[in-house]
N, C-alpha and C. Protein backbone atom coordinates (compact mmCIF):
# COMPACT_ATOMS: atom_id res chain seq x y z
N MET A 1 120.12 71.55 48.90
CA MET A 1 120.65 70.22 49.17
C MET A 1 122.06 70.36 49.72
N ILE A 2 122.42 69.48 50.58
CA ILE A 2 123.74 69.50 51.22
C ILE A 2 124.82 69.04 50.23
N GLU A 3 125.99 69.66 50.32
CA GLU A 3 127.15 69.23 49.55
C GLU A 3 128.20 68.76 50.54
N PHE A 4 128.56 67.51 50.44
CA PHE A 4 129.52 66.92 51.36
C PHE A 4 130.95 67.21 50.90
N HIS A 5 131.86 67.21 51.86
CA HIS A 5 133.29 67.33 51.58
C HIS A 5 134.02 66.50 52.63
N LEU A 6 135.16 65.96 52.22
CA LEU A 6 135.97 65.17 53.15
C LEU A 6 137.26 65.90 53.45
N ASN A 7 137.68 65.79 54.71
CA ASN A 7 138.93 66.41 55.16
C ASN A 7 139.82 65.29 55.68
N GLY A 8 140.89 65.01 54.96
CA GLY A 8 141.80 63.94 55.34
C GLY A 8 142.54 64.21 56.64
N ARG A 9 142.57 65.47 57.09
CA ARG A 9 143.27 65.83 58.32
C ARG A 9 142.36 65.89 59.54
N SER A 10 141.08 65.62 59.35
CA SER A 10 140.12 65.82 60.45
C SER A 10 140.27 64.81 61.59
N GLY A 11 140.84 63.64 61.30
CA GLY A 11 140.93 62.61 62.33
C GLY A 11 139.66 61.77 62.43
N LEU A 12 138.64 62.14 61.66
CA LEU A 12 137.40 61.38 61.65
C LEU A 12 137.34 60.53 60.39
N SER A 13 136.73 59.36 60.49
CA SER A 13 136.57 58.52 59.31
C SER A 13 135.60 59.21 58.35
N PRO A 14 135.63 58.84 57.08
CA PRO A 14 134.71 59.45 56.11
C PRO A 14 133.24 59.34 56.52
N TYR A 15 132.83 58.19 57.04
CA TYR A 15 131.42 58.05 57.42
C TYR A 15 131.09 59.00 58.58
N GLN A 16 132.01 59.16 59.53
CA GLN A 16 131.76 60.07 60.65
C GLN A 16 131.70 61.52 60.18
N GLN A 17 132.51 61.86 59.19
CA GLN A 17 132.46 63.21 58.64
C GLN A 17 131.11 63.48 57.97
N LEU A 18 130.58 62.49 57.27
CA LEU A 18 129.27 62.66 56.63
C LEU A 18 128.18 62.85 57.68
N VAL A 19 128.21 62.03 58.72
CA VAL A 19 127.23 62.17 59.81
C VAL A 19 127.34 63.55 60.43
N GLN A 20 128.55 63.97 60.73
CA GLN A 20 128.77 65.27 61.36
C GLN A 20 128.27 66.41 60.47
N GLN A 21 128.51 66.32 59.18
CA GLN A 21 128.08 67.38 58.26
C GLN A 21 126.56 67.47 58.18
N VAL A 22 125.88 66.34 58.20
CA VAL A 22 124.41 66.38 58.20
C VAL A 22 123.92 66.97 59.52
N ARG A 23 124.50 66.55 60.63
CA ARG A 23 124.09 67.09 61.94
C ARG A 23 124.33 68.60 62.00
N HIS A 24 125.46 69.07 61.48
CA HIS A 24 125.71 70.51 61.46
C HIS A 24 124.69 71.24 60.59
N ALA A 25 124.39 70.68 59.43
CA ALA A 25 123.39 71.30 58.53
C ALA A 25 122.02 71.35 59.20
N LEU A 26 121.68 70.32 59.97
CA LEU A 26 120.40 70.31 60.69
C LEU A 26 120.41 71.36 61.80
N ARG A 27 121.51 71.50 62.48
CA ARG A 27 121.63 72.46 63.58
C ARG A 27 121.59 73.90 63.07
N LEU A 28 122.17 74.13 61.89
CA LEU A 28 122.24 75.48 61.32
C LEU A 28 121.02 75.84 60.48
N GLY A 29 120.07 74.92 60.37
CA GLY A 29 118.87 75.21 59.60
C GLY A 29 119.07 75.10 58.09
N LEU A 30 120.19 74.51 57.67
CA LEU A 30 120.46 74.35 56.24
C LEU A 30 119.69 73.16 55.66
N LEU A 31 119.36 72.22 56.52
CA LEU A 31 118.49 71.10 56.16
C LEU A 31 117.28 71.15 57.09
N GLU A 32 116.12 70.93 56.52
CA GLU A 32 114.89 70.97 57.30
C GLU A 32 114.10 69.69 57.11
N GLU A 33 113.15 69.49 57.99
CA GLU A 33 112.29 68.32 57.92
C GLU A 33 111.68 68.21 56.52
N GLY A 34 111.79 67.01 55.94
CA GLY A 34 111.24 66.77 54.60
C GLY A 34 112.26 66.89 53.49
N ASP A 35 113.42 67.52 53.76
CA ASP A 35 114.45 67.64 52.73
C ASP A 35 115.03 66.26 52.41
N ARG A 36 115.38 66.08 51.15
CA ARG A 36 115.96 64.82 50.70
C ARG A 36 117.47 64.93 50.67
N LEU A 37 118.14 63.93 51.22
CA LEU A 37 119.60 63.86 51.14
C LEU A 37 119.98 63.33 49.77
N PRO A 38 121.19 63.66 49.31
CA PRO A 38 121.64 63.09 48.03
C PRO A 38 121.64 61.56 48.13
N THR A 39 121.47 60.90 47.00
CA THR A 39 121.45 59.44 47.01
C THR A 39 122.83 58.91 47.39
N VAL A 40 122.84 57.68 47.87
CA VAL A 40 124.09 57.02 48.23
C VAL A 40 125.03 57.01 47.02
N LYS A 41 124.47 56.70 45.87
CA LYS A 41 125.26 56.65 44.64
C LYS A 41 125.87 58.01 44.31
N GLU A 42 125.09 59.08 44.44
CA GLU A 42 125.59 60.43 44.16
C GLU A 42 126.74 60.80 45.09
N VAL A 43 126.55 60.54 46.38
CA VAL A 43 127.58 60.89 47.37
C VAL A 43 128.83 60.06 47.15
N ALA A 44 128.66 58.77 46.92
CA ALA A 44 129.82 57.89 46.71
C ALA A 44 130.62 58.34 45.50
N ARG A 45 129.94 58.71 44.44
CA ARG A 45 130.63 59.17 43.23
C ARG A 45 131.32 60.51 43.48
N GLN A 46 130.60 61.46 44.07
CA GLN A 46 131.14 62.79 44.32
C GLN A 46 132.34 62.76 45.26
N MET A 47 132.26 61.93 46.30
CA MET A 47 133.30 61.89 47.33
C MET A 47 134.38 60.85 47.04
N ALA A 48 134.18 60.04 46.02
CA ALA A 48 135.10 58.96 45.67
C ALA A 48 135.30 58.02 46.87
N VAL A 49 134.17 57.62 47.47
CA VAL A 49 134.20 56.66 48.58
C VAL A 49 133.32 55.47 48.22
N ASN A 50 133.50 54.41 48.96
CA ASN A 50 132.70 53.22 48.77
C ASN A 50 131.24 53.53 49.17
N PRO A 51 130.27 53.06 48.38
CA PRO A 51 128.87 53.29 48.73
C PRO A 51 128.52 52.80 50.14
N ASN A 52 129.21 51.75 50.61
CA ASN A 52 128.95 51.25 51.97
C ASN A 52 129.29 52.29 53.03
N THR A 53 130.24 53.17 52.75
CA THR A 53 130.60 54.25 53.67
C THR A 53 129.42 55.20 53.83
N VAL A 54 128.81 55.54 52.71
CA VAL A 54 127.66 56.45 52.72
C VAL A 54 126.47 55.76 53.39
N LEU A 55 126.26 54.49 53.05
CA LEU A 55 125.17 53.73 53.68
C LEU A 55 125.33 53.69 55.19
N LYS A 56 126.55 53.49 55.65
CA LYS A 56 126.81 53.45 57.10
C LYS A 56 126.45 54.79 57.74
N ALA A 57 126.83 55.89 57.10
CA ALA A 57 126.50 57.22 57.63
C ALA A 57 124.99 57.43 57.66
N TYR A 58 124.31 57.08 56.58
CA TYR A 58 122.86 57.26 56.53
C TYR A 58 122.15 56.38 57.56
N ARG A 59 122.66 55.18 57.76
CA ARG A 59 122.06 54.28 58.78
C ARG A 59 122.27 54.85 60.18
N GLU A 60 123.44 55.42 60.42
CA GLU A 60 123.70 56.06 61.72
C GLU A 60 122.74 57.22 61.95
N LEU A 61 122.52 58.03 60.94
CA LEU A 61 121.59 59.16 61.04
C LEU A 61 120.16 58.65 61.25
N GLU A 62 119.84 57.54 60.61
CA GLU A 62 118.51 56.94 60.79
C GLU A 62 118.37 56.41 62.21
N HIS A 63 119.41 55.78 62.71
CA HIS A 63 119.41 55.28 64.09
C HIS A 63 119.22 56.43 65.09
N GLN A 64 119.77 57.59 64.78
CA GLN A 64 119.64 58.76 65.64
C GLN A 64 118.27 59.44 65.49
N GLY A 65 117.45 58.93 64.58
CA GLY A 65 116.11 59.48 64.39
C GLY A 65 116.08 60.77 63.59
N LEU A 66 117.14 61.03 62.82
CA LEU A 66 117.22 62.28 62.08
C LEU A 66 116.78 62.16 60.63
N VAL A 67 116.88 60.96 60.08
CA VAL A 67 116.47 60.73 58.69
C VAL A 67 115.72 59.40 58.61
N ALA A 68 115.02 59.23 57.51
CA ALA A 68 114.34 57.97 57.24
C ALA A 68 114.51 57.63 55.77
N ALA A 69 114.86 56.38 55.51
CA ALA A 69 115.01 55.92 54.13
C ALA A 69 113.65 55.46 53.63
N ARG A 70 113.32 55.88 52.42
CA ARG A 70 112.10 55.42 51.76
C ARG A 70 112.56 54.66 50.51
N PRO A 71 112.49 53.33 50.56
CA PRO A 71 112.99 52.51 49.45
C PRO A 71 112.46 52.98 48.09
N GLY A 72 113.41 53.16 47.17
CA GLY A 72 113.06 53.58 45.82
C GLY A 72 112.81 55.07 45.68
N VAL A 73 112.78 55.80 46.79
CA VAL A 73 112.48 57.24 46.74
C VAL A 73 113.67 58.06 47.21
N GLY A 74 114.29 57.66 48.34
CA GLY A 74 115.44 58.39 48.86
C GLY A 74 115.46 58.42 50.37
N THR A 75 116.36 59.21 50.90
CA THR A 75 116.51 59.39 52.35
C THR A 75 116.12 60.81 52.69
N PHE A 76 115.21 60.94 53.64
CA PHE A 76 114.63 62.24 53.95
C PHE A 76 114.83 62.62 55.42
N VAL A 77 115.01 63.91 55.65
CA VAL A 77 115.16 64.44 57.00
C VAL A 77 113.82 64.32 57.71
N THR A 78 113.86 63.76 58.92
CA THR A 78 112.64 63.59 59.71
C THR A 78 112.59 64.52 60.92
N ARG A 79 113.76 65.10 61.26
CA ARG A 79 113.81 65.95 62.45
C ARG A 79 114.96 66.93 62.29
N THR A 80 114.77 68.13 62.78
CA THR A 80 115.82 69.14 62.73
C THR A 80 116.50 69.26 64.09
N LEU A 81 117.67 69.86 64.11
CA LEU A 81 118.36 70.11 65.37
C LEU A 81 118.44 71.61 65.66
N ALA A 82 117.88 72.42 64.76
CA ALA A 82 117.89 73.87 64.96
C ALA A 82 117.01 74.21 66.16
N ASP A 83 117.38 75.26 66.88
CA ASP A 83 116.59 75.69 68.03
C ASP A 83 116.43 77.20 67.99
N ALA A 84 115.99 77.78 69.09
CA ALA A 84 115.72 79.21 69.15
C ALA A 84 116.98 80.05 68.92
N SER A 85 118.16 79.47 69.13
CA SER A 85 119.40 80.22 68.94
C SER A 85 119.71 80.49 67.47
N LEU A 86 118.96 79.88 66.57
CA LEU A 86 119.21 80.04 65.14
C LEU A 86 119.18 81.51 64.71
N ALA A 87 118.34 82.32 65.34
CA ALA A 87 118.23 83.74 65.00
C ALA A 87 119.53 84.48 65.27
N ALA A 88 120.32 84.01 66.22
CA ALA A 88 121.57 84.68 66.57
C ALA A 88 122.72 84.31 65.63
N HIS A 89 122.52 83.33 64.78
CA HIS A 89 123.61 82.84 63.93
C HIS A 89 124.13 83.89 62.96
N GLY A 90 123.25 84.67 62.35
CA GLY A 90 123.67 85.67 61.35
C GLY A 90 124.69 86.65 61.89
N PRO A 91 124.37 87.37 62.96
CA PRO A 91 125.34 88.32 63.51
C PRO A 91 126.62 87.65 64.00
N LEU A 92 126.50 86.47 64.59
CA LEU A 92 127.68 85.76 65.06
C LEU A 92 128.56 85.32 63.89
N GLN A 93 127.93 84.89 62.82
CA GLN A 93 128.69 84.47 61.65
C GLN A 93 129.43 85.67 61.04
N LYS A 94 128.80 86.82 61.04
CA LYS A 94 129.44 88.04 60.54
C LYS A 94 130.68 88.37 61.37
N ASP A 95 130.55 88.29 62.71
CA ASP A 95 131.69 88.53 63.60
C ASP A 95 132.80 87.52 63.36
N LEU A 96 132.41 86.27 63.18
CA LEU A 96 133.40 85.21 62.96
C LEU A 96 134.14 85.42 61.64
N ARG A 97 133.43 85.86 60.60
CA ARG A 97 134.09 86.13 59.32
C ARG A 97 135.10 87.27 59.45
N ARG A 98 134.76 88.29 60.25
CA ARG A 98 135.71 89.39 60.49
C ARG A 98 136.95 88.86 61.22
N TRP A 99 136.72 88.00 62.22
CA TRP A 99 137.83 87.41 62.97
C TRP A 99 138.72 86.58 62.05
N LEU A 100 138.10 85.79 61.17
CA LEU A 100 138.87 84.97 60.24
C LEU A 100 139.72 85.84 59.31
N ALA A 101 139.15 86.93 58.85
CA ALA A 101 139.90 87.84 57.98
C ALA A 101 141.11 88.41 58.73
N LYS A 102 140.92 88.76 60.00
CA LYS A 102 142.04 89.27 60.81
C LYS A 102 143.11 88.20 60.99
N ALA A 103 142.68 86.97 61.23
CA ALA A 103 143.63 85.87 61.42
C ALA A 103 144.44 85.65 60.14
N ARG A 104 143.79 85.71 58.99
CA ARG A 104 144.50 85.54 57.72
C ARG A 104 145.47 86.69 57.48
N LEU A 105 145.03 87.91 57.79
CA LEU A 105 145.91 89.08 57.66
C LEU A 105 147.13 88.97 58.57
N ALA A 106 146.95 88.30 59.71
CA ALA A 106 148.06 88.11 60.64
C ALA A 106 149.01 87.00 60.18
N GLY A 107 148.66 86.35 59.07
CA GLY A 107 149.54 85.34 58.49
C GLY A 107 149.24 83.91 58.90
N LEU A 108 148.12 83.67 59.59
CA LEU A 108 147.79 82.31 59.99
C LEU A 108 147.24 81.53 58.81
N ASP A 109 147.70 80.28 58.67
CA ASP A 109 147.14 79.41 57.65
C ASP A 109 145.93 78.68 58.23
N GLU A 110 145.26 77.90 57.39
CA GLU A 110 144.02 77.23 57.81
C GLU A 110 144.22 76.35 59.04
N GLU A 111 145.30 75.59 59.06
CA GLU A 111 145.55 74.69 60.19
C GLU A 111 145.81 75.48 61.48
N SER A 112 146.53 76.59 61.37
CA SER A 112 146.81 77.43 62.55
C SER A 112 145.53 78.08 63.06
N ILE A 113 144.69 78.53 62.14
CA ILE A 113 143.41 79.14 62.53
C ILE A 113 142.56 78.12 63.27
N GLU A 114 142.48 76.91 62.71
CA GLU A 114 141.69 75.85 63.33
C GLU A 114 142.22 75.50 64.71
N ALA A 115 143.54 75.40 64.83
CA ALA A 115 144.16 75.06 66.13
C ALA A 115 143.87 76.15 67.15
N LEU A 116 144.01 77.41 66.76
CA LEU A 116 143.75 78.52 67.66
C LEU A 116 142.29 78.55 68.09
N PHE A 117 141.40 78.37 67.13
CA PHE A 117 139.97 78.38 67.44
C PHE A 117 139.61 77.24 68.40
N MET A 118 140.06 76.02 68.07
CA MET A 118 139.70 74.87 68.90
C MET A 118 140.30 74.98 70.29
N ASN A 119 141.52 75.47 70.40
CA ASN A 119 142.13 75.64 71.72
C ASN A 119 141.36 76.67 72.53
N THR A 120 141.01 77.77 71.90
CA THR A 120 140.24 78.82 72.58
C THR A 120 138.86 78.31 72.96
N PHE A 121 138.24 77.57 72.06
CA PHE A 121 136.91 77.00 72.32
C PHE A 121 136.94 76.09 73.54
N ARG A 122 137.95 75.21 73.58
CA ARG A 122 138.05 74.25 74.70
C ARG A 122 138.37 74.94 76.02
N THR A 123 139.28 75.92 75.99
CA THR A 123 139.66 76.58 77.25
C THR A 123 138.59 77.54 77.73
N ALA A 124 137.75 78.03 76.82
CA ALA A 124 136.70 78.96 77.22
C ALA A 124 135.48 78.23 77.78
N ALA A 125 135.40 76.92 77.56
CA ALA A 125 134.25 76.15 78.07
C ALA A 125 134.18 76.29 79.59
N GLY A 126 133.03 76.71 80.03
CA GLY A 126 132.85 76.86 81.47
C GLY A 126 133.21 78.24 81.98
N GLU A 127 133.92 79.04 81.15
CA GLU A 127 134.24 80.40 81.57
C GLU A 127 133.08 81.31 81.20
N ASP A 128 132.97 82.40 81.90
CA ASP A 128 131.96 83.41 81.60
C ASP A 128 132.56 84.38 80.61
N VAL A 129 132.33 84.14 79.32
CA VAL A 129 132.91 84.97 78.28
C VAL A 129 131.87 85.98 77.84
N ALA A 130 132.23 87.26 77.90
CA ALA A 130 131.28 88.31 77.49
C ALA A 130 131.71 88.95 76.21
């Protein structure tokens, strides 16, 4: 089951963060078709947010065709976003963990690591990176 977390520095509203986290879990194969999402009540309590925030996120995911609410039963994944690239995730994640360890050893804090990664990600878009 997915465990949600909120980041006050992300620039995204809490409901958008919940939607993004479910989409990432679907893309990474952490959630699969048929899996049940935590109840609105569970998420609201765990995240200390208004239940309407969670409802809004779940409705957005339903609108995107990724989940379906079954009254009295829960909200279930109806479609995954994982593709054939999923097999490459393990080795890439290992490389990324090594890179993160190097960044921390170089003295970068979490915000600096994120800024460096996002800047590199954006500038590398469209480049032929080998």
